[in-house]
N, C-alpha and C. Protein backbone atom coordinates (compact mmCIF):
# COMPACT_ATOMS: atom_id res chain seq x y z
N UNK A 1 -33.76 -33.65 18.85
CA UNK A 1 -33.33 -32.52 19.65
C UNK A 1 -32.32 -32.97 20.71
N UNK A 2 -32.63 -34.08 21.35
CA UNK A 2 -31.77 -34.58 22.41
C UNK A 2 -30.41 -35.03 21.85
N UNK A 3 -30.43 -35.62 20.64
CA UNK A 3 -29.18 -36.08 20.03
C UNK A 3 -28.27 -34.90 19.69
N UNK A 4 -28.84 -33.81 19.19
CA UNK A 4 -28.03 -32.65 18.83
C UNK A 4 -27.40 -32.01 20.06
N UNK A 5 -28.12 -32.03 21.20
CA UNK A 5 -27.56 -31.49 22.44
C UNK A 5 -26.42 -32.37 22.91
N UNK A 6 -26.60 -33.67 22.83
CA UNK A 6 -25.54 -34.61 23.24
C UNK A 6 -24.34 -34.46 22.31
N UNK A 7 -24.59 -34.40 21.01
CA UNK A 7 -23.51 -34.26 20.03
C UNK A 7 -22.75 -32.94 20.26
N UNK A 8 -23.48 -31.86 20.47
CA UNK A 8 -22.85 -30.57 20.74
C UNK A 8 -22.01 -30.60 22.01
N UNK A 9 -22.52 -31.27 23.04
CA UNK A 9 -21.78 -31.37 24.30
C UNK A 9 -20.50 -32.17 24.12
N UNK A 10 -20.58 -33.25 23.34
CA UNK A 10 -19.39 -34.08 23.10
C UNK A 10 -18.34 -33.29 22.31
N UNK A 11 -18.77 -32.57 21.29
CA UNK A 11 -17.83 -31.76 20.49
C UNK A 11 -17.19 -30.67 21.35
N UNK A 12 -17.99 -30.02 22.19
CA UNK A 12 -17.45 -28.98 23.08
C UNK A 12 -16.45 -29.58 24.06
N UNK A 13 -16.77 -30.76 24.61
CA UNK A 13 -15.86 -31.41 25.56
C UNK A 13 -14.55 -31.79 24.88
N UNK A 14 -14.65 -32.29 23.63
CA UNK A 14 -13.43 -32.63 22.89
C UNK A 14 -12.58 -31.39 22.61
N UNK A 15 -13.23 -30.28 22.25
CA UNK A 15 -12.49 -29.04 21.97
C UNK A 15 -11.79 -28.54 23.23
N UNK A 16 -12.48 -28.56 24.35
CA UNK A 16 -11.86 -28.12 25.61
C UNK A 16 -10.73 -29.06 26.00
N UNK A 17 -10.95 -30.36 25.82
CA UNK A 17 -9.91 -31.34 26.13
C UNK A 17 -8.66 -31.12 25.27
N UNK A 18 -8.87 -30.85 23.98
CA UNK A 18 -7.72 -30.59 23.10
C UNK A 18 -7.01 -29.32 23.52
N UNK A 19 -7.75 -28.31 23.93
CA UNK A 19 -7.12 -27.07 24.37
C UNK A 19 -6.25 -27.32 25.60
N UNK A 20 -6.76 -28.12 26.55
CA UNK A 20 -5.94 -28.44 27.72
C UNK A 20 -4.70 -29.24 27.34
N UNK A 21 -4.88 -30.21 26.43
CA UNK A 21 -3.75 -31.02 25.98
C UNK A 21 -2.70 -30.14 25.28
N UNK A 22 -3.15 -29.26 24.40
CA UNK A 22 -2.23 -28.37 23.70
C UNK A 22 -1.49 -27.48 24.69
N UNK A 23 -2.19 -26.94 25.68
CA UNK A 23 -1.56 -26.08 26.67
C UNK A 23 -0.54 -26.87 27.49
N UNK A 24 -0.89 -28.09 27.85
CA UNK A 24 0.04 -28.92 28.61
C UNK A 24 1.30 -29.21 27.80
N UNK A 25 1.11 -29.58 26.53
CA UNK A 25 2.27 -29.85 25.66
C UNK A 25 3.13 -28.60 25.50
N UNK A 26 2.48 -27.48 25.32
CA UNK A 26 3.20 -26.22 25.11
C UNK A 26 4.04 -25.87 26.33
N UNK A 27 3.52 -26.13 27.49
CA UNK A 27 4.24 -25.77 28.72
C UNK A 27 5.33 -26.77 29.10
N UNK A 28 5.11 -28.06 28.83
CA UNK A 28 5.99 -29.08 29.40
C UNK A 28 6.89 -29.81 28.41
N UNK A 29 6.61 -29.77 27.13
CA UNK A 29 7.40 -30.52 26.16
C UNK A 29 8.37 -29.58 25.44
N UNK A 30 9.69 -29.70 25.71
CA UNK A 30 10.65 -28.79 25.08
C UNK A 30 10.69 -28.93 23.56
N UNK A 31 10.52 -30.14 23.04
CA UNK A 31 10.53 -30.34 21.59
C UNK A 31 9.34 -29.63 20.94
N UNK A 32 8.20 -29.70 21.59
CA UNK A 32 7.00 -29.04 21.08
C UNK A 32 7.18 -27.53 21.06
N UNK A 33 7.80 -26.98 22.13
CA UNK A 33 8.07 -25.54 22.18
C UNK A 33 9.02 -25.13 21.07
N UNK A 34 10.05 -25.93 20.83
CA UNK A 34 10.99 -25.63 19.75
C UNK A 34 10.28 -25.64 18.40
N UNK A 35 9.40 -26.63 18.24
CA UNK A 35 8.66 -26.73 16.99
C UNK A 35 7.78 -25.50 16.79
N UNK A 36 7.13 -25.04 17.86
CA UNK A 36 6.30 -23.84 17.77
C UNK A 36 7.14 -22.61 17.46
N UNK A 37 8.32 -22.51 18.07
CA UNK A 37 9.20 -21.37 17.81
C UNK A 37 9.66 -21.36 16.35
N UNK A 38 9.99 -22.54 15.82
CA UNK A 38 10.41 -22.63 14.42
C UNK A 38 9.28 -22.18 13.49
N UNK A 39 8.08 -22.64 13.79
CA UNK A 39 6.93 -22.23 12.97
C UNK A 39 6.72 -20.72 13.05
N UNK A 40 6.83 -20.18 14.26
CA UNK A 40 6.66 -18.74 14.44
C UNK A 40 7.71 -17.97 13.65
N UNK A 41 8.97 -18.44 13.71
CA UNK A 41 10.04 -17.78 12.96
C UNK A 41 9.79 -17.84 11.46
N UNK A 42 9.32 -18.99 10.97
CA UNK A 42 9.03 -19.12 9.55
C UNK A 42 7.94 -18.15 9.13
N UNK A 43 6.90 -18.05 9.93
CA UNK A 43 5.80 -17.13 9.62
C UNK A 43 6.32 -15.70 9.61
N UNK A 44 7.16 -15.35 10.57
CA UNK A 44 7.72 -14.00 10.63
C UNK A 44 8.62 -13.72 9.43
N UNK A 45 9.43 -14.70 9.03
CA UNK A 45 10.31 -14.52 7.87
C UNK A 45 9.50 -14.34 6.59
N UNK A 46 8.44 -15.12 6.44
CA UNK A 46 7.59 -14.99 5.25
C UNK A 46 6.92 -13.62 5.23
N UNK A 47 6.43 -13.18 6.38
CA UNK A 47 5.79 -11.87 6.46
C UNK A 47 6.79 -10.76 6.14
N UNK A 48 8.00 -10.88 6.65
CA UNK A 48 9.02 -9.87 6.39
C UNK A 48 9.43 -9.84 4.92
N UNK A 49 9.59 -11.02 4.33
CA UNK A 49 9.96 -11.06 2.91
C UNK A 49 8.82 -10.52 2.04
N UNK A 50 7.58 -10.78 2.43
CA UNK A 50 6.44 -10.23 1.70
C UNK A 50 6.43 -8.71 1.79
N UNK A 51 6.71 -8.20 2.98
CA UNK A 51 6.74 -6.75 3.19
C UNK A 51 7.85 -6.11 2.34
N UNK A 52 9.01 -6.75 2.30
CA UNK A 52 10.12 -6.23 1.49
C UNK A 52 9.78 -6.27 0.00
N UNK A 53 9.10 -7.32 -0.43
CA UNK A 53 8.71 -7.42 -1.84
C UNK A 53 7.70 -6.33 -2.19
N UNK A 54 6.74 -6.08 -1.30
CA UNK A 54 5.76 -5.02 -1.55
C UNK A 54 6.44 -3.66 -1.59
N UNK A 55 7.40 -3.46 -0.70
CA UNK A 55 8.13 -2.18 -0.65
C UNK A 55 8.95 -2.00 -1.93
N UNK A 56 9.56 -3.05 -2.40
CA UNK A 56 10.35 -2.97 -3.63
C UNK A 56 9.44 -2.67 -4.82
N UNK A 57 8.28 -3.31 -4.86
CA UNK A 57 7.32 -3.06 -5.93
C UNK A 57 6.84 -1.61 -5.91
N UNK A 58 6.61 -1.09 -4.71
CA UNK A 58 6.19 0.30 -4.58
C UNK A 58 7.28 1.25 -5.06
N UNK A 59 8.53 0.95 -4.70
CA UNK A 59 9.66 1.78 -5.15
C UNK A 59 9.78 1.75 -6.68
N UNK A 60 9.55 0.60 -7.27
CA UNK A 60 9.59 0.50 -8.73
C UNK A 60 8.47 1.33 -9.35
N UNK A 61 7.30 1.33 -8.71
CA UNK A 61 6.19 2.16 -9.19
C UNK A 61 6.57 3.63 -9.15
N UNK A 62 7.21 4.04 -8.06
CA UNK A 62 7.62 5.44 -7.92
C UNK A 62 8.62 5.80 -9.00
N UNK A 63 9.60 4.93 -9.24
CA UNK A 63 10.60 5.19 -10.27
C UNK A 63 9.95 5.30 -11.65
N UNK A 64 9.03 4.39 -11.93
CA UNK A 64 8.34 4.41 -13.23
C UNK A 64 7.54 5.69 -13.38
N UNK A 65 6.85 6.09 -12.32
CA UNK A 65 6.04 7.31 -12.37
C UNK A 65 6.93 8.54 -12.58
N UNK A 66 8.06 8.59 -11.89
CA UNK A 66 8.96 9.73 -12.07
C UNK A 66 9.54 9.79 -13.48
N UNK A 67 9.81 8.63 -14.05
CA UNK A 67 10.29 8.59 -15.44
C UNK A 67 9.22 9.14 -16.39
N UNK A 68 7.96 8.77 -16.15
CA UNK A 68 6.87 9.27 -16.98
C UNK A 68 6.71 10.79 -16.83
N UNK A 69 6.92 11.29 -15.61
CA UNK A 69 6.83 12.74 -15.39
C UNK A 69 7.96 13.45 -16.12
N UNK A 70 9.15 12.86 -16.10
CA UNK A 70 10.30 13.50 -16.75
C UNK A 70 10.12 13.61 -18.26
N UNK A 71 9.46 12.65 -18.87
CA UNK A 71 9.30 12.71 -20.32
C UNK A 71 8.10 13.57 -20.74
N UNK A 72 7.29 13.98 -19.78
CA UNK A 72 6.15 14.84 -20.10
C UNK A 72 6.65 16.27 -20.28
N UNK A 73 6.44 16.86 -21.45
CA UNK A 73 6.91 18.24 -21.65
C UNK A 73 6.04 19.22 -20.86
N UNK A 74 6.69 20.16 -20.17
CA UNK A 74 5.97 21.15 -19.39
C UNK A 74 5.86 22.45 -20.19
N UNK A 75 4.71 23.10 -20.15
CA UNK A 75 4.52 24.35 -20.90
C UNK A 75 5.31 25.50 -20.26
N UNK A 76 5.50 26.57 -21.04
CA UNK A 76 6.29 27.69 -20.54
C UNK A 76 5.46 28.93 -20.24
N UNK A 77 4.44 29.23 -21.02
CA UNK A 77 3.67 30.46 -20.78
C UNK A 77 2.60 30.21 -19.71
N UNK A 78 2.11 31.28 -19.11
CA UNK A 78 1.14 31.19 -18.03
C UNK A 78 -0.17 30.58 -18.51
N UNK A 79 -0.62 30.97 -19.71
CA UNK A 79 -1.88 30.43 -20.24
C UNK A 79 -1.76 28.93 -20.52
N UNK A 80 -0.63 28.55 -21.09
CA UNK A 80 -0.40 27.14 -21.37
C UNK A 80 -0.33 26.33 -20.08
N UNK A 81 0.34 26.90 -19.05
CA UNK A 81 0.44 26.22 -17.76
C UNK A 81 -0.94 26.02 -17.15
N UNK A 82 -1.79 27.04 -17.23
CA UNK A 82 -3.13 26.93 -16.66
C UNK A 82 -3.94 25.86 -17.39
N UNK A 83 -3.88 25.85 -18.71
CA UNK A 83 -4.58 24.85 -19.49
C UNK A 83 -4.03 23.45 -19.20
N UNK A 84 -2.71 23.34 -19.15
CA UNK A 84 -2.06 22.06 -18.85
C UNK A 84 -2.48 21.56 -17.47
N UNK A 85 -2.51 22.47 -16.50
CA UNK A 85 -2.91 22.11 -15.14
C UNK A 85 -4.33 21.53 -15.14
N UNK A 86 -5.26 22.22 -15.75
CA UNK A 86 -6.66 21.78 -15.78
C UNK A 86 -6.79 20.44 -16.50
N UNK A 87 -6.07 20.27 -17.60
CA UNK A 87 -6.14 19.01 -18.35
C UNK A 87 -5.59 17.85 -17.52
N UNK A 88 -4.47 18.08 -16.84
CA UNK A 88 -3.84 17.01 -16.07
C UNK A 88 -4.70 16.60 -14.88
N UNK A 89 -5.28 17.57 -14.18
CA UNK A 89 -6.14 17.24 -13.04
C UNK A 89 -7.37 16.47 -13.52
N UNK A 90 -7.99 16.94 -14.58
CA UNK A 90 -9.17 16.25 -15.11
C UNK A 90 -8.82 14.84 -15.58
N UNK A 91 -7.69 14.71 -16.26
CA UNK A 91 -7.27 13.39 -16.75
C UNK A 91 -6.94 12.45 -15.58
N UNK A 92 -6.29 12.99 -14.54
CA UNK A 92 -5.99 12.18 -13.36
C UNK A 92 -7.25 11.67 -12.69
N UNK A 93 -8.25 12.53 -12.58
CA UNK A 93 -9.51 12.11 -11.98
C UNK A 93 -10.21 11.06 -12.85
N UNK A 94 -10.17 11.25 -14.15
CA UNK A 94 -10.78 10.28 -15.06
C UNK A 94 -10.10 8.92 -14.95
N UNK A 95 -8.79 8.93 -14.93
CA UNK A 95 -8.06 7.66 -14.84
C UNK A 95 -8.36 6.94 -13.54
N UNK A 96 -8.47 7.69 -12.46
CA UNK A 96 -8.77 7.04 -11.20
C UNK A 96 -10.20 6.49 -11.20
N UNK A 97 -11.14 7.21 -11.79
CA UNK A 97 -12.52 6.73 -11.84
C UNK A 97 -12.63 5.44 -12.65
N UNK A 98 -11.80 5.30 -13.68
CA UNK A 98 -11.83 4.09 -14.49
C UNK A 98 -11.30 2.88 -13.73
N UNK A 99 -10.24 3.09 -12.95
CA UNK A 99 -9.60 1.99 -12.22
C UNK A 99 -9.44 2.37 -10.75
N UNK A 100 -10.52 2.37 -9.96
CA UNK A 100 -10.38 2.78 -8.56
C UNK A 100 -9.50 1.84 -7.73
N UNK A 101 -9.46 0.56 -8.07
CA UNK A 101 -8.63 -0.38 -7.30
C UNK A 101 -7.41 -0.85 -8.07
N UNK A 102 -7.25 -0.39 -9.29
CA UNK A 102 -6.18 -0.88 -10.14
C UNK A 102 -4.88 -0.11 -9.97
N UNK A 103 -4.08 -0.20 -11.01
CA UNK A 103 -2.78 0.47 -11.03
C UNK A 103 -3.01 1.97 -11.25
N UNK A 104 -2.56 2.79 -10.32
CA UNK A 104 -2.84 4.23 -10.35
C UNK A 104 -1.64 5.06 -10.76
N UNK A 105 -0.69 4.47 -11.45
CA UNK A 105 0.51 5.21 -11.82
C UNK A 105 0.17 6.37 -12.75
N UNK A 106 -0.64 6.10 -13.76
CA UNK A 106 -0.96 7.16 -14.73
C UNK A 106 -1.68 8.31 -14.05
N UNK A 107 -2.60 7.99 -13.16
CA UNK A 107 -3.34 9.02 -12.44
C UNK A 107 -2.39 9.86 -11.58
N UNK A 108 -1.47 9.19 -10.88
CA UNK A 108 -0.51 9.90 -10.04
C UNK A 108 0.41 10.78 -10.89
N UNK A 109 0.78 10.30 -12.07
CA UNK A 109 1.63 11.09 -12.96
C UNK A 109 0.91 12.35 -13.38
N UNK A 110 -0.37 12.24 -13.69
CA UNK A 110 -1.15 13.43 -14.09
C UNK A 110 -1.22 14.44 -12.94
N UNK A 111 -1.53 13.96 -11.75
CA UNK A 111 -1.61 14.87 -10.60
C UNK A 111 -0.26 15.50 -10.30
N UNK A 112 0.80 14.72 -10.43
CA UNK A 112 2.13 15.26 -10.14
C UNK A 112 2.58 16.26 -11.20
N UNK A 113 2.23 16.00 -12.45
CA UNK A 113 2.55 16.97 -13.51
C UNK A 113 1.82 18.28 -13.29
N UNK A 114 0.56 18.19 -12.84
CA UNK A 114 -0.19 19.40 -12.52
C UNK A 114 0.46 20.13 -11.35
N UNK A 115 0.97 19.38 -10.40
CA UNK A 115 1.64 19.98 -9.25
C UNK A 115 2.90 20.73 -9.66
N UNK A 116 3.60 20.22 -10.65
CA UNK A 116 4.85 20.85 -11.10
C UNK A 116 4.63 22.20 -11.77
N UNK A 117 3.46 22.42 -12.39
CA UNK A 117 3.22 23.69 -13.07
C UNK A 117 2.40 24.66 -12.21
N UNK A 118 1.89 24.20 -11.08
CA UNK A 118 1.07 25.07 -10.23
C UNK A 118 1.97 26.09 -9.54
N UNK A 119 1.55 27.36 -9.44
CA UNK A 119 2.42 28.39 -8.85
C UNK A 119 2.72 28.19 -7.37
N UNK A 120 1.79 27.59 -6.62
CA UNK A 120 2.00 27.35 -5.19
C UNK A 120 1.81 25.86 -4.91
N UNK A 121 2.85 25.07 -5.13
CA UNK A 121 2.70 23.62 -5.03
C UNK A 121 2.34 23.13 -3.62
N UNK A 122 2.82 23.80 -2.58
CA UNK A 122 2.49 23.36 -1.23
C UNK A 122 0.99 23.48 -0.95
N UNK A 123 0.40 24.54 -1.43
CA UNK A 123 -1.03 24.74 -1.26
C UNK A 123 -1.81 23.66 -2.02
N UNK A 124 -1.39 23.39 -3.24
CA UNK A 124 -2.05 22.36 -4.04
C UNK A 124 -1.88 20.98 -3.40
N UNK A 125 -0.72 20.73 -2.84
CA UNK A 125 -0.48 19.44 -2.20
C UNK A 125 -1.43 19.25 -1.02
N UNK A 126 -1.67 20.30 -0.24
CA UNK A 126 -2.60 20.18 0.88
C UNK A 126 -4.03 19.95 0.38
N UNK A 127 -4.37 20.53 -0.77
CA UNK A 127 -5.69 20.26 -1.37
C UNK A 127 -5.76 18.80 -1.83
N UNK A 128 -4.69 18.33 -2.44
CA UNK A 128 -4.63 16.93 -2.86
C UNK A 128 -4.86 16.00 -1.67
N UNK A 129 -4.24 16.31 -0.53
CA UNK A 129 -4.36 15.44 0.64
C UNK A 129 -5.81 15.30 1.09
N UNK A 130 -6.62 16.31 0.87
CA UNK A 130 -8.02 16.25 1.27
C UNK A 130 -8.91 15.60 0.22
N UNK A 131 -8.49 15.61 -1.04
CA UNK A 131 -9.40 15.18 -2.10
C UNK A 131 -8.99 13.90 -2.83
N UNK A 132 -7.72 13.61 -2.88
CA UNK A 132 -7.25 12.46 -3.65
C UNK A 132 -7.25 11.22 -2.76
N UNK A 133 -7.63 10.07 -3.31
CA UNK A 133 -7.63 8.81 -2.54
C UNK A 133 -6.24 8.45 -2.01
N UNK A 134 -6.22 7.71 -0.94
CA UNK A 134 -4.98 7.39 -0.22
C UNK A 134 -3.92 6.68 -1.07
N UNK A 135 -4.26 5.67 -1.89
CA UNK A 135 -3.19 5.00 -2.67
C UNK A 135 -2.45 5.97 -3.60
N UNK A 136 -3.19 6.86 -4.24
CA UNK A 136 -2.55 7.83 -5.13
C UNK A 136 -1.76 8.84 -4.32
N UNK A 137 -2.31 9.23 -3.18
CA UNK A 137 -1.62 10.21 -2.33
C UNK A 137 -0.29 9.65 -1.82
N UNK A 138 -0.29 8.38 -1.44
CA UNK A 138 0.96 7.75 -1.00
C UNK A 138 2.00 7.75 -2.12
N UNK A 139 1.54 7.49 -3.33
CA UNK A 139 2.44 7.52 -4.49
C UNK A 139 2.97 8.94 -4.73
N UNK A 140 2.10 9.93 -4.61
CA UNK A 140 2.54 11.32 -4.79
C UNK A 140 3.56 11.73 -3.74
N UNK A 141 3.30 11.35 -2.48
CA UNK A 141 4.25 11.68 -1.41
C UNK A 141 5.62 11.06 -1.69
N UNK A 142 5.59 9.80 -2.09
CA UNK A 142 6.86 9.11 -2.38
C UNK A 142 7.57 9.75 -3.57
N UNK A 143 6.80 10.15 -4.58
CA UNK A 143 7.40 10.80 -5.75
C UNK A 143 8.03 12.13 -5.35
N UNK A 144 7.34 12.89 -4.53
CA UNK A 144 7.87 14.19 -4.11
C UNK A 144 9.13 14.00 -3.26
N UNK A 145 9.10 13.04 -2.36
CA UNK A 145 10.27 12.77 -1.51
C UNK A 145 11.44 12.29 -2.35
N UNK A 146 11.18 11.41 -3.27
CA UNK A 146 12.25 10.85 -4.11
C UNK A 146 12.87 11.92 -5.00
N UNK A 147 12.03 12.83 -5.52
CA UNK A 147 12.54 13.86 -6.42
C UNK A 147 13.29 14.94 -5.67
N UNK A 148 12.91 15.24 -4.43
CA UNK A 148 13.57 16.32 -3.70
C UNK A 148 14.84 15.87 -3.00
N UNK A 149 14.99 14.58 -2.74
CA UNK A 149 16.21 14.10 -2.09
C UNK A 149 17.31 13.97 -3.13
N UNK A 150 18.48 14.50 -2.83
CA UNK A 150 19.59 14.39 -3.79
C UNK A 150 20.11 12.96 -3.84
N UNK A 151 20.47 12.52 -5.03
CA UNK A 151 21.05 11.20 -5.19
C UNK A 151 22.56 11.29 -5.28
N UNK A 152 23.24 10.35 -4.63
CA UNK A 152 24.68 10.32 -4.64
C UNK A 152 25.15 9.35 -5.71
N UNK A 153 25.96 9.82 -6.62
CA UNK A 153 26.44 8.96 -7.69
C UNK A 153 27.94 8.92 -7.70
């Protein structure tokens, strides 16, 4: 028991001593400060490049989802639209249940296709916001924004 108290005290004293040494070096050694700044910049650059890569991947997902929506044929009669709507919502829920943490492009495509045939899309979108999980909702928002903004060619 006595040895563990002594050992713990020595380790604590060494940790406090290192903290004081580190603080002293940080405050008084210009080379050490430069080294810390370089490390900080590298960490920031890596974080920024990671964020850009994630954003690019998300944009590619949105493009892929919109392409899938474009190739999906939409029905013309009211009865067909109602049946199509019910099928797409059910299929979207099924796909999400199968892969709750996975790739949700197919699920988002189903929900978005149902949104396109619904008579009041704004109302349905507000229902989606309350019921659909956040990753799919983010994809739907991006799809809607991307499709409604005109592209300059």
